[in-house]
N, C-alpha and C. Protein backbone atom coordinates (compact mmCIF):
# COMPACT_ATOMS: atom_id res chain seq x y z
N MET A 1 -48.53 -75.02 -45.41
CA MET A 1 -47.60 -75.50 -46.58
C MET A 1 -46.14 -74.57 -46.34
N THR A 2 -44.88 -74.86 -46.53
CA THR A 2 -43.91 -74.60 -46.82
C THR A 2 -43.78 -73.62 -48.34
N TYR A 3 -43.32 -72.30 -48.23
CA TYR A 3 -43.02 -71.93 -49.40
C TYR A 3 -41.81 -71.84 -49.59
N PHE A 4 -40.50 -71.60 -48.74
CA PHE A 4 -39.48 -71.63 -48.84
C PHE A 4 -38.66 -72.52 -48.23
N SER A 5 -37.60 -73.35 -49.04
CA SER A 5 -36.57 -74.28 -48.65
C SER A 5 -35.27 -73.53 -47.97
N ARG A 6 -34.88 -72.30 -48.60
CA ARG A 6 -34.04 -71.77 -48.17
C ARG A 6 -33.98 -70.30 -48.26
N LEU A 7 -33.17 -69.59 -47.47
CA LEU A 7 -33.47 -67.92 -47.54
C LEU A 7 -33.22 -67.72 -48.75
N THR A 8 -32.67 -68.18 -49.95
CA THR A 8 -32.30 -67.26 -51.27
C THR A 8 -33.33 -67.70 -52.04
N ASP A 9 -34.37 -68.58 -51.61
CA ASP A 9 -36.05 -68.61 -51.90
C ASP A 9 -36.64 -67.41 -51.76
N ILE A 10 -36.55 -66.91 -50.37
CA ILE A 10 -37.26 -65.81 -50.11
C ILE A 10 -36.92 -64.51 -51.01
N VAL A 11 -35.36 -64.41 -51.04
CA VAL A 11 -35.07 -63.41 -52.04
C VAL A 11 -35.42 -63.18 -53.32
N THR A 12 -35.35 -65.00 -53.59
CA THR A 12 -35.67 -64.51 -55.56
C THR A 12 -36.76 -64.96 -55.73
N CYS A 13 -38.02 -64.99 -54.59
CA CYS A 13 -39.51 -65.36 -55.03
C CYS A 13 -40.12 -64.50 -55.99
N ASN A 14 -41.28 -64.75 -56.64
CA ASN A 14 -42.12 -63.95 -56.93
C ASN A 14 -43.60 -64.18 -56.45
N LEU A 15 -43.70 -62.91 -55.89
CA LEU A 15 -44.85 -62.74 -54.68
C LEU A 15 -45.84 -62.78 -55.70
N THR A 16 -45.98 -61.84 -56.78
CA THR A 16 -47.17 -61.98 -57.64
C THR A 16 -47.82 -63.56 -57.91
N ASP A 17 -46.65 -64.14 -58.31
CA ASP A 17 -46.74 -65.53 -59.17
C ASP A 17 -47.42 -66.20 -57.73
N LEU A 18 -46.70 -66.36 -56.88
CA LEU A 18 -47.34 -67.18 -55.93
C LEU A 18 -48.76 -67.08 -54.93
N LEU A 19 -49.16 -65.47 -55.40
CA LEU A 19 -50.35 -64.93 -55.09
C LEU A 19 -51.33 -65.52 -56.06
N LYS A 20 -51.00 -65.43 -57.29
CA LYS A 20 -51.62 -65.69 -58.49
C LYS A 20 -52.20 -67.35 -58.49
N GLN A 21 -51.43 -67.87 -57.78
CA GLN A 21 -51.58 -69.77 -57.74
C GLN A 21 -52.25 -69.79 -56.64
N ALA A 22 -52.71 -68.79 -55.54
CA ALA A 22 -53.28 -68.71 -54.20
C ALA A 22 -54.73 -69.06 -54.18
N ASP A 23 -55.68 -69.94 -53.60
CA ASP A 23 -57.17 -69.77 -53.35
C ASP A 23 -57.32 -68.16 -52.22
N ASP A 24 -56.78 -68.19 -51.36
CA ASP A 24 -56.77 -67.15 -50.57
C ASP A 24 -55.68 -66.23 -50.40
N PRO A 25 -55.24 -65.39 -51.57
CA PRO A 25 -53.71 -64.64 -51.49
C PRO A 25 -53.79 -64.03 -50.07
N ILE A 26 -54.84 -63.89 -49.35
CA ILE A 26 -54.22 -62.87 -47.80
C ILE A 26 -53.67 -64.07 -46.91
N ALA A 27 -54.46 -65.28 -46.74
CA ALA A 27 -54.09 -66.33 -46.14
C ALA A 27 -52.41 -66.78 -46.11
N THR A 28 -52.32 -66.97 -47.72
CA THR A 28 -51.05 -67.22 -48.31
C THR A 28 -49.84 -66.07 -47.79
N LEU A 29 -50.37 -64.69 -48.09
CA LEU A 29 -49.27 -63.95 -47.74
C LEU A 29 -49.06 -64.07 -46.15
N ASP A 30 -50.10 -64.31 -45.32
CA ASP A 30 -49.43 -64.17 -43.61
C ASP A 30 -49.09 -65.63 -43.70
N GLU A 31 -49.07 -66.56 -44.35
CA GLU A 31 -48.37 -67.71 -43.89
C GLU A 31 -46.62 -67.50 -44.86
N ILE A 32 -46.63 -66.65 -46.00
CA ILE A 32 -45.33 -66.13 -46.36
C ILE A 32 -44.69 -65.22 -45.36
N VAL A 33 -45.32 -64.35 -44.94
CA VAL A 33 -44.69 -63.33 -44.07
C VAL A 33 -44.36 -63.93 -42.78
N LEU A 34 -44.98 -64.76 -42.20
CA LEU A 34 -44.42 -65.67 -41.10
C LEU A 34 -42.94 -66.45 -41.29
N GLU A 35 -43.01 -67.06 -42.76
CA GLU A 35 -42.06 -67.73 -42.96
C GLU A 35 -40.57 -66.68 -43.31
N MET A 36 -40.94 -65.46 -43.64
CA MET A 36 -40.02 -64.70 -43.86
C MET A 36 -39.59 -63.96 -42.70
N GLU A 37 -40.29 -64.07 -41.58
CA GLU A 37 -39.96 -63.61 -40.54
C GLU A 37 -38.91 -64.29 -39.69
N GLU A 38 -39.33 -65.55 -39.64
CA GLU A 38 -38.68 -66.79 -39.45
C GLU A 38 -37.27 -67.09 -39.70
N GLY A 39 -37.27 -66.71 -41.32
CA GLY A 39 -35.84 -66.86 -41.92
C GLY A 39 -35.47 -65.65 -41.54
N LEU A 40 -35.70 -64.18 -41.32
CA LEU A 40 -35.12 -63.32 -40.76
C LEU A 40 -34.29 -63.11 -39.53
N ALA A 41 -35.51 -63.84 -38.53
CA ALA A 41 -34.42 -64.22 -37.17
C ALA A 41 -33.24 -64.90 -37.31
N GLY A 42 -33.67 -66.17 -37.97
CA GLY A 42 -32.36 -66.87 -38.42
C GLY A 42 -30.97 -66.39 -38.94
N ALA A 43 -31.47 -65.58 -40.02
CA ALA A 43 -30.16 -64.74 -40.50
C ALA A 43 -29.69 -63.70 -39.58
N ARG A 44 -30.64 -62.95 -38.83
CA ARG A 44 -29.95 -61.96 -37.83
C ARG A 44 -29.23 -62.96 -37.15
N ARG A 45 -29.62 -63.83 -36.94
CA ARG A 45 -28.57 -65.12 -35.58
C ARG A 45 -27.37 -65.34 -36.34
N SER A 46 -27.31 -65.85 -38.00
CA SER A 46 -26.36 -65.97 -38.59
C SER A 46 -25.18 -64.38 -38.62
N VAL A 47 -25.69 -63.41 -38.88
CA VAL A 47 -24.83 -62.33 -38.98
C VAL A 47 -24.20 -62.08 -37.69
N ASN A 48 -24.72 -62.07 -36.43
CA ASN A 48 -24.35 -62.01 -35.08
C ASN A 48 -22.85 -62.90 -35.04
N THR A 49 -23.72 -64.32 -35.29
CA THR A 49 -22.63 -65.20 -35.12
C THR A 49 -21.01 -64.65 -35.80
N ALA A 50 -21.42 -64.28 -37.25
CA ALA A 50 -20.30 -64.38 -38.22
C ALA A 50 -19.33 -63.01 -37.60
N ALA A 51 -20.37 -62.01 -37.56
CA ALA A 51 -19.65 -60.68 -36.55
C ALA A 51 -18.84 -61.20 -35.43
N ASN A 52 -19.59 -61.64 -34.21
CA ASN A 52 -18.80 -62.50 -33.39
C ASN A 52 -17.30 -63.35 -33.84
N ASN A 53 -17.50 -63.74 -34.59
CA ASN A 53 -16.39 -64.94 -35.04
C ASN A 53 -15.14 -64.04 -35.73
N ALA A 54 -15.49 -62.84 -36.55
CA ALA A 54 -14.66 -62.10 -36.98
C ALA A 54 -13.86 -61.31 -35.87
N GLU A 55 -14.96 -61.04 -34.87
CA GLU A 55 -14.11 -59.74 -33.58
C GLU A 55 -13.34 -61.15 -32.79
N ARG A 56 -13.57 -62.24 -32.57
CA ARG A 56 -12.74 -62.99 -32.06
C ARG A 56 -11.48 -63.15 -32.57
N LEU A 57 -11.32 -63.29 -33.75
CA LEU A 57 -10.12 -63.68 -34.86
C LEU A 57 -9.27 -62.62 -34.51
N ARG A 58 -9.85 -61.22 -34.88
CA ARG A 58 -9.02 -59.89 -34.58
C ARG A 58 -8.39 -60.16 -33.08
N GLY A 59 -9.10 -60.49 -32.31
CA GLY A 59 -8.64 -60.04 -31.24
C GLY A 59 -7.03 -61.38 -31.33
N GLU A 60 -7.66 -62.43 -31.50
CA GLU A 60 -6.35 -63.57 -31.37
C GLU A 60 -4.98 -63.17 -32.36
N ILE A 61 -5.42 -62.50 -33.39
CA ILE A 61 -4.44 -62.00 -34.41
C ILE A 61 -3.41 -60.57 -33.35
N ASP A 62 -4.38 -60.21 -32.66
CA ASP A 62 -3.73 -58.87 -32.11
C ASP A 62 -3.15 -59.16 -30.86
N THR A 63 -3.54 -60.43 -30.06
CA THR A 63 -2.52 -61.04 -29.36
C THR A 63 -1.60 -61.91 -29.77
N HIS A 64 -1.28 -62.53 -31.00
CA HIS A 64 -0.37 -63.21 -31.38
C HIS A 64 0.82 -61.99 -31.67
N ARG A 65 0.19 -60.97 -32.50
CA ARG A 65 1.36 -59.91 -32.90
C ARG A 65 1.72 -59.30 -31.89
N ASN A 66 1.38 -59.20 -30.60
CA ASN A 66 1.95 -58.46 -29.81
C ASN A 66 2.88 -59.40 -29.01
N GLN A 67 2.83 -60.66 -29.04
CA GLN A 67 3.78 -61.88 -28.27
C GLN A 67 4.75 -61.67 -29.51
N VAL A 68 4.67 -61.94 -30.95
CA VAL A 68 5.72 -61.66 -32.05
C VAL A 68 6.88 -60.47 -31.33
N ALA A 69 5.90 -59.21 -30.81
CA ALA A 69 6.88 -57.87 -30.53
C ALA A 69 7.37 -58.37 -29.21
N ILE A 70 7.41 -59.04 -28.45
CA ILE A 70 7.85 -59.07 -27.40
C ILE A 70 8.66 -60.75 -27.87
N TRP A 71 8.65 -61.49 -28.35
CA TRP A 71 9.78 -61.99 -28.72
C TRP A 71 10.94 -61.69 -29.43
N LYS A 72 10.66 -60.68 -30.14
CA LYS A 72 11.63 -59.79 -31.15
C LYS A 72 12.50 -58.86 -30.14
N GLU A 73 11.96 -58.40 -29.14
CA GLU A 73 12.40 -57.92 -28.03
C GLU A 73 13.04 -58.74 -27.65
N SER A 74 13.09 -59.84 -26.83
CA SER A 74 13.81 -61.16 -26.44
C SER A 74 14.74 -60.98 -27.39
N ALA A 75 14.80 -61.58 -28.29
CA ALA A 75 15.78 -61.75 -29.43
C ALA A 75 17.29 -60.75 -29.18
N ARG A 76 16.55 -59.71 -29.16
CA ARG A 76 17.15 -58.17 -29.45
C ARG A 76 18.24 -58.33 -28.03
N GLN A 77 17.51 -58.28 -26.81
CA GLN A 77 18.49 -58.16 -25.66
C GLN A 77 19.14 -59.53 -25.63
N ALA A 78 18.84 -60.67 -25.95
CA ALA A 78 19.69 -61.81 -25.65
C ALA A 78 21.21 -61.79 -26.79
N VAL A 79 20.61 -61.06 -27.85
CA VAL A 79 22.04 -60.53 -28.82
C VAL A 79 22.70 -59.55 -28.01
N VAL A 80 22.39 -58.84 -27.55
CA VAL A 80 22.88 -57.52 -27.20
C VAL A 80 23.76 -58.26 -25.67
N GLY A 81 23.32 -59.10 -25.06
CA GLY A 81 23.84 -59.46 -23.53
C GLY A 81 24.88 -60.89 -24.64
N GLY A 82 24.96 -60.96 -25.58
CA GLY A 82 26.09 -62.43 -26.62
C GLY A 82 25.65 -63.38 -26.08
N ARG A 83 24.01 -63.58 -25.83
CA ARG A 83 23.57 -64.91 -25.77
C ARG A 83 23.05 -65.53 -27.17
N GLU A 84 23.61 -65.74 -27.90
CA GLU A 84 22.91 -66.28 -29.39
C GLU A 84 21.96 -67.39 -29.29
N ASP A 85 22.48 -68.26 -28.31
CA ASP A 85 21.37 -69.41 -28.34
C ASP A 85 20.28 -69.07 -27.82
N GLU A 86 20.01 -68.06 -27.03
CA GLU A 86 18.81 -67.76 -26.69
C GLU A 86 18.08 -66.72 -27.80
N ALA A 87 18.75 -66.00 -28.28
CA ALA A 87 18.38 -65.22 -29.13
C ALA A 87 17.60 -66.27 -30.29
N ARG A 88 18.48 -67.02 -30.80
CA ARG A 88 17.53 -68.27 -31.97
C ARG A 88 16.58 -68.49 -31.15
N ILE A 89 16.38 -69.28 -30.57
CA ILE A 89 15.15 -69.69 -29.61
C ILE A 89 14.04 -68.96 -29.54
N ALA A 90 14.28 -67.34 -29.24
CA ALA A 90 13.64 -66.30 -29.36
C ALA A 90 12.80 -65.77 -30.81
N LEU A 91 13.85 -66.10 -31.63
CA LEU A 91 13.56 -65.78 -33.10
C LEU A 91 12.73 -66.76 -33.58
N SER A 92 12.86 -67.91 -33.14
CA SER A 92 12.33 -69.33 -33.35
C SER A 92 10.81 -69.23 -33.37
N ARG A 93 10.45 -68.88 -31.89
CA ARG A 93 9.62 -68.65 -31.12
C ARG A 93 8.22 -67.35 -31.76
N LYS A 94 9.31 -66.67 -31.93
CA LYS A 94 8.58 -65.30 -32.84
C LYS A 94 8.18 -65.74 -34.59
N GLN A 95 8.89 -66.30 -35.12
CA GLN A 95 8.72 -66.79 -36.31
C GLN A 95 7.26 -68.11 -36.14
N GLU A 96 7.62 -68.85 -35.30
CA GLU A 96 5.81 -69.65 -35.03
C GLU A 96 4.73 -68.93 -34.88
N LEU A 97 4.87 -67.51 -34.04
CA LEU A 97 3.82 -67.03 -33.88
C LEU A 97 3.38 -66.22 -35.11
N GLU A 98 4.57 -65.60 -35.79
CA GLU A 98 3.85 -65.09 -36.97
C GLU A 98 3.38 -66.27 -37.83
N ASP A 99 3.70 -67.15 -37.87
CA ASP A 99 2.99 -67.96 -38.98
C ASP A 99 1.52 -68.09 -38.33
N VAL A 100 1.64 -68.41 -37.42
CA VAL A 100 0.11 -68.87 -36.80
C VAL A 100 -0.75 -67.39 -36.65
N ALA A 101 -0.43 -66.38 -36.73
CA ALA A 101 -1.29 -64.86 -37.06
C ALA A 101 -1.29 -64.84 -38.33
N ALA A 102 -0.32 -65.58 -39.10
CA ALA A 102 -0.67 -65.32 -40.53
C ALA A 102 -2.01 -66.14 -40.91
N GLY A 103 -1.73 -67.43 -40.57
CA GLY A 103 -3.11 -68.53 -40.62
C GLY A 103 -4.34 -67.88 -40.23
N LEU A 104 -4.25 -66.88 -38.91
CA LEU A 104 -5.32 -66.19 -38.54
C LEU A 104 -5.84 -65.27 -39.41
N GLU A 105 -4.85 -64.41 -40.20
CA GLU A 105 -5.49 -63.45 -40.83
C GLU A 105 -6.21 -64.11 -42.06
N GLN A 106 -6.09 -65.15 -42.69
CA GLN A 106 -6.65 -66.05 -43.59
C GLN A 106 -7.97 -66.23 -43.44
N GLU A 107 -8.12 -66.35 -41.99
CA GLU A 107 -9.30 -66.89 -41.32
C GLU A 107 -10.26 -66.01 -41.08
N TYR A 108 -9.57 -64.84 -40.51
CA TYR A 108 -10.13 -63.48 -40.53
C TYR A 108 -10.97 -63.12 -41.70
N GLY A 109 -9.97 -62.67 -42.94
CA GLY A 109 -10.56 -62.26 -43.81
C GLY A 109 -11.46 -63.21 -44.51
N ALA A 110 -11.98 -64.43 -44.58
CA ALA A 110 -12.97 -65.10 -44.92
C ALA A 110 -13.99 -65.28 -43.75
N ALA A 111 -13.87 -64.50 -42.36
CA ALA A 111 -14.81 -64.37 -41.35
C ALA A 111 -15.66 -63.17 -41.98
N VAL A 112 -14.55 -62.10 -42.50
CA VAL A 112 -15.06 -60.89 -42.70
C VAL A 112 -15.98 -60.95 -44.33
N ALA A 113 -15.70 -61.91 -44.79
CA ALA A 113 -16.19 -62.16 -46.24
C ALA A 113 -17.33 -62.46 -45.95
N THR A 114 -17.69 -63.79 -44.83
CA THR A 114 -18.88 -64.38 -44.55
C THR A 114 -20.02 -63.50 -44.06
N ARG A 115 -19.30 -62.74 -43.28
CA ARG A 115 -20.22 -61.47 -42.38
C ARG A 115 -20.90 -60.63 -43.27
N ASP A 116 -19.98 -60.13 -44.45
CA ASP A 116 -20.49 -59.41 -45.17
C ASP A 116 -21.30 -59.65 -45.76
N HIS A 117 -21.17 -60.87 -46.58
CA HIS A 117 -22.13 -61.42 -47.45
C HIS A 117 -23.54 -61.83 -46.46
N LEU A 118 -23.41 -62.26 -45.37
CA LEU A 118 -24.58 -62.26 -44.54
C LEU A 118 -25.46 -61.51 -44.32
N GLU A 119 -24.80 -60.10 -43.99
CA GLU A 119 -25.13 -58.61 -43.89
C GLU A 119 -26.07 -58.42 -45.09
N THR A 120 -25.25 -58.37 -46.62
CA THR A 120 -26.35 -58.52 -47.84
C THR A 120 -27.40 -59.24 -47.64
N THR A 121 -27.50 -60.15 -47.44
CA THR A 121 -28.43 -61.41 -47.58
C THR A 121 -29.68 -60.77 -46.53
N LEU A 122 -29.46 -60.60 -45.17
CA LEU A 122 -30.02 -60.06 -44.34
C LEU A 122 -30.92 -58.97 -44.96
N ARG A 123 -30.16 -57.67 -45.63
CA ARG A 123 -30.79 -56.46 -45.93
C ARG A 123 -31.76 -56.85 -46.93
N ALA A 124 -31.47 -57.97 -47.86
CA ALA A 124 -32.23 -58.54 -49.15
C ALA A 124 -33.72 -58.97 -48.61
N LEU A 125 -32.91 -59.80 -47.63
CA LEU A 125 -34.57 -60.48 -46.84
C LEU A 125 -35.51 -59.70 -46.30
N GLN A 126 -34.66 -58.51 -45.72
CA GLN A 126 -36.00 -57.66 -44.91
C GLN A 126 -36.42 -56.55 -45.98
N ALA A 127 -35.80 -56.40 -47.18
CA ALA A 127 -36.99 -55.89 -48.48
C ALA A 127 -37.52 -56.40 -48.71
N ARG A 128 -37.40 -58.14 -49.00
CA ARG A 128 -38.63 -59.17 -49.35
C ARG A 128 -40.09 -58.67 -48.53
N LEU A 129 -39.28 -59.02 -47.25
CA LEU A 129 -40.22 -58.84 -45.87
C LEU A 129 -41.48 -57.52 -46.06
N THR A 130 -40.64 -56.52 -46.15
CA THR A 130 -41.11 -55.49 -46.18
C THR A 130 -42.25 -55.34 -47.40
N ASP A 131 -41.74 -56.05 -48.56
CA ASP A 131 -42.75 -55.97 -50.04
C ASP A 131 -43.80 -56.56 -49.72
N ALA A 132 -43.67 -57.70 -48.97
CA ALA A 132 -44.71 -58.87 -49.08
C ALA A 132 -45.76 -58.06 -47.93
N ARG A 133 -45.43 -57.53 -46.87
CA ARG A 133 -46.37 -56.56 -46.04
C ARG A 133 -47.03 -55.60 -46.79
N ARG A 134 -46.20 -54.96 -47.45
CA ARG A 134 -46.94 -53.82 -48.32
C ARG A 134 -48.03 -54.56 -49.17
N LYS A 135 -47.68 -55.72 -49.68
CA LYS A 135 -48.72 -56.01 -50.83
C LYS A 135 -49.86 -56.46 -49.85
N ARG A 136 -49.44 -57.16 -48.65
CA ARG A 136 -50.95 -57.76 -47.88
C ARG A 136 -51.43 -56.36 -47.70
N ALA A 137 -51.40 -54.96 -47.15
CA ALA A 137 -51.85 -54.29 -47.14
C ALA A 137 -52.80 -53.39 -47.77
N GLU A 138 -52.36 -53.81 -48.87
CA GLU A 138 -53.13 -53.56 -50.26
C GLU A 138 -53.83 -54.43 -50.75
N LEU A 139 -53.70 -55.79 -50.52
CA LEU A 139 -54.43 -56.57 -50.75
C LEU A 139 -55.97 -56.59 -49.44
N THR A 140 -55.69 -56.23 -48.49
CA THR A 140 -56.51 -55.97 -47.25
C THR A 140 -57.36 -54.50 -47.70
N GLY A 141 -56.66 -53.70 -47.83
CA GLY A 141 -57.22 -52.01 -48.20
C GLY A 141 -56.67 -51.60 -46.70
N GLU A 142 -56.02 -52.04 -46.05
CA GLU A 142 -55.74 -51.59 -44.58
C GLU A 142 -54.55 -50.34 -45.29
N PRO A 143 -54.59 -49.21 -44.24
CA PRO A 143 -53.08 -48.27 -44.79
C PRO A 143 -52.15 -49.24 -44.17
N ALA A 144 -51.02 -48.94 -45.13
CA ALA A 144 -49.72 -49.34 -44.72
C ALA A 144 -49.06 -48.76 -43.83
N PRO A 145 -48.74 -49.06 -42.69
CA PRO A 145 -47.78 -48.52 -41.58
C PRO A 145 -46.83 -47.68 -42.06
N PRO A 146 -46.11 -46.77 -42.08
CA PRO A 146 -45.53 -45.58 -42.00
C PRO A 146 -44.30 -46.33 -42.42
N GLU A 147 -43.50 -47.05 -41.96
CA GLU A 147 -42.37 -47.92 -42.27
C GLU A 147 -42.45 -48.28 -43.63
N LEU A 148 -43.50 -48.66 -44.10
CA LEU A 148 -43.69 -49.68 -45.32
C LEU A 148 -44.21 -48.67 -46.63
N ALA A 149 -44.36 -47.71 -46.21
CA ALA A 149 -45.26 -46.71 -46.96
C ALA A 149 -44.15 -46.37 -48.21
N SER A 150 -42.73 -46.19 -48.06
CA SER A 150 -41.86 -46.17 -49.27
C SER A 150 -40.85 -46.96 -49.29
N PRO A 151 -40.25 -47.61 -50.08
CA PRO A 151 -39.07 -48.85 -50.16
C PRO A 151 -37.80 -48.18 -49.46
N TYR A 152 -37.58 -46.90 -49.47
CA TYR A 152 -36.47 -46.24 -48.66
C TYR A 152 -36.69 -46.44 -47.15
N ALA A 153 -37.91 -46.73 -46.83
CA ALA A 153 -37.98 -46.59 -45.40
C ALA A 153 -38.05 -47.78 -44.34
N ALA A 154 -37.37 -48.59 -45.58
CA ALA A 154 -37.38 -50.05 -45.15
C ALA A 154 -36.10 -50.39 -43.80
N PRO A 155 -36.65 -50.54 -42.22
CA PRO A 155 -35.50 -50.55 -41.03
C PRO A 155 -34.34 -51.23 -41.35
N GLU A 156 -33.18 -50.73 -41.22
CA GLU A 156 -31.91 -51.53 -41.28
C GLU A 156 -31.38 -52.53 -40.50
N PRO A 157 -31.07 -53.42 -41.13
CA PRO A 157 -30.36 -54.18 -39.96
C PRO A 157 -28.82 -53.78 -39.05
N LEU A 158 -28.96 -53.49 -37.79
CA LEU A 158 -28.17 -53.15 -36.81
C LEU A 158 -27.66 -51.84 -37.30
N GLY A 159 -28.43 -51.16 -38.06
CA GLY A 159 -28.45 -49.69 -38.07
C GLY A 159 -27.22 -49.63 -39.05
N GLY A 160 -26.93 -50.36 -40.12
CA GLY A 160 -25.51 -50.18 -40.25
C GLY A 160 -25.68 -49.04 -41.74
N ARG A 161 -26.40 -49.58 -42.78
CA ARG A 161 -26.55 -48.64 -43.77
C ARG A 161 -26.78 -47.42 -43.80
N ASN A 162 -28.20 -46.96 -43.27
CA ASN A 162 -28.72 -45.42 -42.50
C ASN A 162 -27.38 -44.67 -41.78
N ARG A 163 -26.69 -45.50 -40.97
CA ARG A 163 -25.49 -44.69 -40.28
C ARG A 163 -24.25 -44.43 -41.42
N ALA A 164 -23.93 -45.37 -42.19
CA ALA A 164 -23.08 -45.49 -43.05
C ALA A 164 -23.46 -44.16 -44.33
N ILE A 165 -24.62 -43.75 -44.54
CA ILE A 165 -25.11 -43.04 -44.93
C ILE A 165 -24.71 -41.38 -44.95
N GLU A 166 -25.52 -41.97 -43.67
CA GLU A 166 -24.93 -40.26 -42.99
C GLU A 166 -23.60 -39.73 -42.90
N ASP A 167 -22.77 -40.69 -42.13
CA ASP A 167 -21.36 -40.63 -42.09
C ASP A 167 -20.52 -39.87 -43.23
N GLU A 168 -20.81 -40.65 -44.38
CA GLU A 168 -20.62 -40.37 -45.33
C GLU A 168 -21.22 -39.05 -46.26
N LEU A 169 -22.16 -38.54 -45.45
CA LEU A 169 -22.38 -37.23 -46.18
C LEU A 169 -21.98 -36.44 -45.21
N ALA A 170 -21.81 -36.64 -44.03
CA ALA A 170 -21.18 -35.58 -43.34
C ALA A 170 -19.82 -35.53 -43.24
N ALA A 171 -19.40 -36.22 -44.02
CA ALA A 171 -17.64 -36.12 -44.42
C ALA A 171 -17.88 -35.56 -45.56
N LEU A 172 -18.67 -35.74 -46.83
CA LEU A 172 -18.85 -34.56 -48.00
C LEU A 172 -18.85 -33.34 -47.73
N LYS A 173 -19.90 -33.00 -46.64
CA LYS A 173 -20.07 -31.93 -46.03
C LYS A 173 -18.72 -31.03 -45.62
N ARG A 174 -17.94 -32.06 -44.94
CA ARG A 174 -16.49 -31.50 -44.07
C ARG A 174 -15.71 -30.96 -45.47
N GLU A 175 -15.71 -31.97 -46.24
CA GLU A 175 -14.37 -31.85 -47.23
C GLU A 175 -15.36 -30.37 -48.19
N LEU A 176 -16.29 -30.44 -48.49
CA LEU A 176 -16.54 -29.26 -49.35
C LEU A 176 -16.98 -27.94 -48.52
N GLY A 177 -16.89 -27.97 -47.42
CA GLY A 177 -16.54 -27.13 -46.26
C GLY A 177 -18.11 -26.51 -46.27
N THR A 178 -19.20 -27.55 -46.10
CA THR A 178 -20.37 -26.52 -45.74
C THR A 178 -20.86 -27.38 -44.71
N ALA A 179 -20.14 -28.04 -44.06
CA ALA A 179 -20.74 -28.67 -42.53
C ALA A 179 -20.81 -27.32 -41.54
């Protein structure tokens, strides 16, 4: 039986209600955990793809900005040399590249927003999976693995949140002179 048709179903599901309806709650939890793991794997792939897209766009923007500087310098040198027609051509090319870069900036903003949204969804999925595994351990009477013992000990995707917290803590210590 499929319990989830979308990743948001995993995040919004009520495990307690699903288990109340189940004939065999442990088997049901096993199926749910498997579906959640598959969803999590897909979410990780999506986050990686979105991050790669954002990185690629950032590189394209940088390339275009560098070319803008080259054409601007070319126009400057043409003006110094008294070649106004060449300067106009260079400035025209510079403007074209600025327009392309501006469009890429908008795409980049959307790619970053998508990546951030997917990372948030990934963390929510991980939290739900951890909760399901914890419930399974409670139902079977097996001791929960150490990483499931506390909701604050859930593994982080890509090491992001824990690293950010540690970086922010270090910055606060430096700011307060307690580092």
